[in-house]
């Protein structure tokens, strides 16, 4: 399994990874509130994807 190091990526890609990482927490919070008030299958699935992506950034898998 190949490990990707952020600092070996091109600068434009590192910039976009940082932008996504910073914007992901408010999106997770909003989607969590939306799922609590209007639960649909799509909302639960989307929340699971966002939480998984957030954890991947938090644990530095990406």
N, C-alpha and C. Protein backbone atom coordinates (compact mmCIF):
# COMPACT_ATOMS: atom_id res chain seq x y z
N UNK A 1 0.84 -1.18 0.00
CA UNK A 1 0.00 0.00 0.00
C UNK A 1 0.89 1.25 0.00
N UNK A 2 0.66 2.09 -0.95
CA UNK A 2 1.46 3.31 -1.07
C UNK A 2 0.92 4.38 -0.14
N UNK A 3 1.81 5.08 0.50
CA UNK A 3 1.41 6.18 1.37
C UNK A 3 1.72 7.49 0.65
N UNK A 4 0.74 8.37 0.68
CA UNK A 4 0.91 9.66 0.02
C UNK A 4 1.29 10.70 1.06
N UNK A 5 2.37 11.39 0.82
CA UNK A 5 2.79 12.45 1.71
C UNK A 5 2.33 13.78 1.13
N UNK A 6 1.71 14.57 1.97
CA UNK A 6 1.17 15.85 1.50
C UNK A 6 2.24 16.76 0.92
N UNK A 7 3.40 16.74 1.51
CA UNK A 7 4.43 17.69 1.10
C UNK A 7 5.11 17.29 -0.19
N UNK A 8 4.84 16.11 -0.70
CA UNK A 8 5.38 15.70 -1.98
C UNK A 8 4.41 15.99 -3.11
N UNK A 9 3.20 16.44 -2.77
CA UNK A 9 2.20 16.77 -3.78
C UNK A 9 2.47 18.15 -4.35
N UNK A 10 1.93 18.43 -5.53
CA UNK A 10 2.09 19.78 -6.08
C UNK A 10 1.42 20.83 -5.19
N UNK A 11 1.92 22.06 -5.21
CA UNK A 11 1.38 23.09 -4.31
C UNK A 11 -0.11 23.34 -4.50
N UNK A 12 -0.60 23.30 -5.73
CA UNK A 12 -2.03 23.56 -5.95
C UNK A 12 -2.88 22.46 -5.33
N UNK A 13 -2.40 21.23 -5.33
CA UNK A 13 -3.16 20.14 -4.73
C UNK A 13 -3.13 20.21 -3.21
N UNK A 14 -1.97 20.60 -2.66
CA UNK A 14 -1.90 20.79 -1.20
C UNK A 14 -2.84 21.89 -0.75
N UNK A 15 -2.95 22.96 -1.55
CA UNK A 15 -3.84 24.06 -1.22
C UNK A 15 -5.30 23.57 -1.17
N UNK A 16 -5.71 22.79 -2.17
CA UNK A 16 -7.09 22.32 -2.20
C UNK A 16 -7.37 21.30 -1.11
N UNK A 17 -6.41 20.49 -0.74
CA UNK A 17 -6.59 19.58 0.40
C UNK A 17 -6.80 20.37 1.69
N UNK A 18 -6.06 21.46 1.86
CA UNK A 18 -6.22 22.30 3.03
C UNK A 18 -7.59 22.96 3.05
N UNK A 19 -8.05 23.44 1.90
CA UNK A 19 -9.37 24.07 1.82
C UNK A 19 -10.47 23.06 2.16
N UNK A 20 -10.37 21.87 1.61
CA UNK A 20 -11.37 20.84 1.90
C UNK A 20 -11.34 20.46 3.37
N UNK A 21 -10.15 20.34 3.93
CA UNK A 21 -10.03 19.97 5.34
C UNK A 21 -10.66 21.03 6.24
N UNK A 22 -10.46 22.28 5.92
CA UNK A 22 -11.01 23.37 6.75
C UNK A 22 -12.52 23.49 6.62
N UNK A 23 -13.07 23.19 5.47
CA UNK A 23 -14.51 23.35 5.23
C UNK A 23 -15.31 22.13 5.65
N UNK A 24 -14.67 21.03 5.92
CA UNK A 24 -15.38 19.78 6.16
C UNK A 24 -16.12 19.76 7.49
N UNK A 25 -15.56 20.31 8.55
CA UNK A 25 -16.23 20.28 9.85
C UNK A 25 -17.56 21.04 9.85
N UNK A 26 -17.65 22.26 9.32
CA UNK A 26 -18.97 22.91 9.27
C UNK A 26 -19.98 22.13 8.41
N UNK A 27 -19.50 21.49 7.35
CA UNK A 27 -20.40 20.70 6.51
C UNK A 27 -20.91 19.48 7.29
N UNK A 28 -20.04 18.83 8.07
CA UNK A 28 -20.45 17.68 8.88
C UNK A 28 -21.47 18.10 9.92
N UNK A 29 -21.24 19.23 10.56
CA UNK A 29 -22.19 19.72 11.58
C UNK A 29 -23.53 20.05 10.95
N UNK A 30 -23.52 20.75 9.82
CA UNK A 30 -24.78 21.08 9.14
C UNK A 30 -25.51 19.82 8.71
N UNK A 31 -24.79 18.86 8.14
CA UNK A 31 -25.43 17.64 7.67
C UNK A 31 -25.95 16.82 8.84
N UNK A 32 -25.24 16.85 9.96
CA UNK A 32 -25.73 16.15 11.16
C UNK A 32 -27.03 16.74 11.67
N UNK A 33 -27.11 18.07 11.71
CA UNK A 33 -28.36 18.72 12.13
C UNK A 33 -29.49 18.44 11.16
N UNK A 34 -29.17 18.48 9.88
CA UNK A 34 -30.19 18.18 8.86
C UNK A 34 -30.69 16.75 8.98
N UNK A 35 -29.78 15.83 9.27
CA UNK A 35 -30.16 14.43 9.42
C UNK A 35 -31.02 14.22 10.66
N UNK A 36 -30.74 14.96 11.72
CA UNK A 36 -31.57 14.84 12.93
C UNK A 36 -32.99 15.33 12.67
N UNK A 37 -33.13 16.46 11.98
CA UNK A 37 -34.45 17.04 11.79
C UNK A 37 -35.21 16.47 10.60
N UNK A 38 -34.54 16.12 9.51
CA UNK A 38 -35.18 15.58 8.31
C UNK A 38 -34.47 14.29 7.87
N UNK A 39 -34.65 13.21 8.62
CA UNK A 39 -33.89 12.00 8.30
C UNK A 39 -34.41 11.30 7.05
N UNK A 40 -33.56 11.18 6.07
CA UNK A 40 -33.83 10.37 4.89
C UNK A 40 -32.63 9.44 4.71
N UNK A 41 -32.82 8.45 3.88
CA UNK A 41 -31.72 7.51 3.63
C UNK A 41 -30.53 8.22 3.02
N UNK A 42 -30.79 9.13 2.09
CA UNK A 42 -29.72 9.86 1.43
C UNK A 42 -28.95 10.73 2.43
N UNK A 43 -29.65 11.37 3.35
CA UNK A 43 -28.99 12.21 4.36
C UNK A 43 -28.09 11.39 5.28
N UNK A 44 -28.55 10.22 5.68
CA UNK A 44 -27.75 9.36 6.55
C UNK A 44 -26.51 8.88 5.81
N UNK A 45 -26.68 8.49 4.55
CA UNK A 45 -25.56 8.04 3.73
C UNK A 45 -24.55 9.17 3.53
N UNK A 46 -25.04 10.35 3.22
CA UNK A 46 -24.16 11.51 3.01
C UNK A 46 -23.42 11.88 4.30
N UNK A 47 -24.10 11.81 5.44
CA UNK A 47 -23.46 12.08 6.71
C UNK A 47 -22.35 11.07 6.99
N UNK A 48 -22.61 9.81 6.69
CA UNK A 48 -21.59 8.78 6.87
C UNK A 48 -20.37 9.02 6.01
N UNK A 49 -20.58 9.44 4.77
CA UNK A 49 -19.45 9.75 3.88
C UNK A 49 -18.66 10.93 4.41
N UNK A 50 -19.35 11.99 4.83
CA UNK A 50 -18.67 13.17 5.35
C UNK A 50 -17.90 12.86 6.63
N UNK A 51 -18.48 12.06 7.51
CA UNK A 51 -17.78 11.70 8.75
C UNK A 51 -16.55 10.86 8.43
N UNK A 52 -16.69 9.93 7.50
CA UNK A 52 -15.54 9.11 7.10
C UNK A 52 -14.43 9.95 6.50
N UNK A 53 -14.80 10.91 5.67
CA UNK A 53 -13.81 11.80 5.06
C UNK A 53 -13.15 12.68 6.12
N UNK A 54 -13.94 13.17 7.06
CA UNK A 54 -13.38 13.99 8.14
C UNK A 54 -12.40 13.18 8.99
N UNK A 55 -12.77 11.94 9.30
CA UNK A 55 -11.87 11.09 10.09
C UNK A 55 -10.59 10.77 9.32
N UNK A 56 -10.70 10.61 8.01
CA UNK A 56 -9.51 10.35 7.20
C UNK A 56 -8.56 11.54 7.26
N UNK A 57 -9.07 12.75 7.23
CA UNK A 57 -8.23 13.93 7.36
C UNK A 57 -7.69 14.05 8.78
N UNK A 58 -8.54 13.78 9.78
CA UNK A 58 -8.13 13.93 11.17
C UNK A 58 -7.03 12.93 11.54
N UNK A 59 -7.15 11.71 11.06
CA UNK A 59 -6.15 10.69 11.36
C UNK A 59 -4.99 10.70 10.38
N UNK A 60 -4.99 11.69 9.50
CA UNK A 60 -3.92 11.92 8.51
C UNK A 60 -3.74 10.73 7.58
N UNK A 61 -4.85 10.13 7.17
CA UNK A 61 -4.79 9.10 6.14
C UNK A 61 -4.71 9.74 4.77
N UNK A 62 -5.18 10.97 4.67
CA UNK A 62 -5.12 11.73 3.41
C UNK A 62 -4.14 12.87 3.60
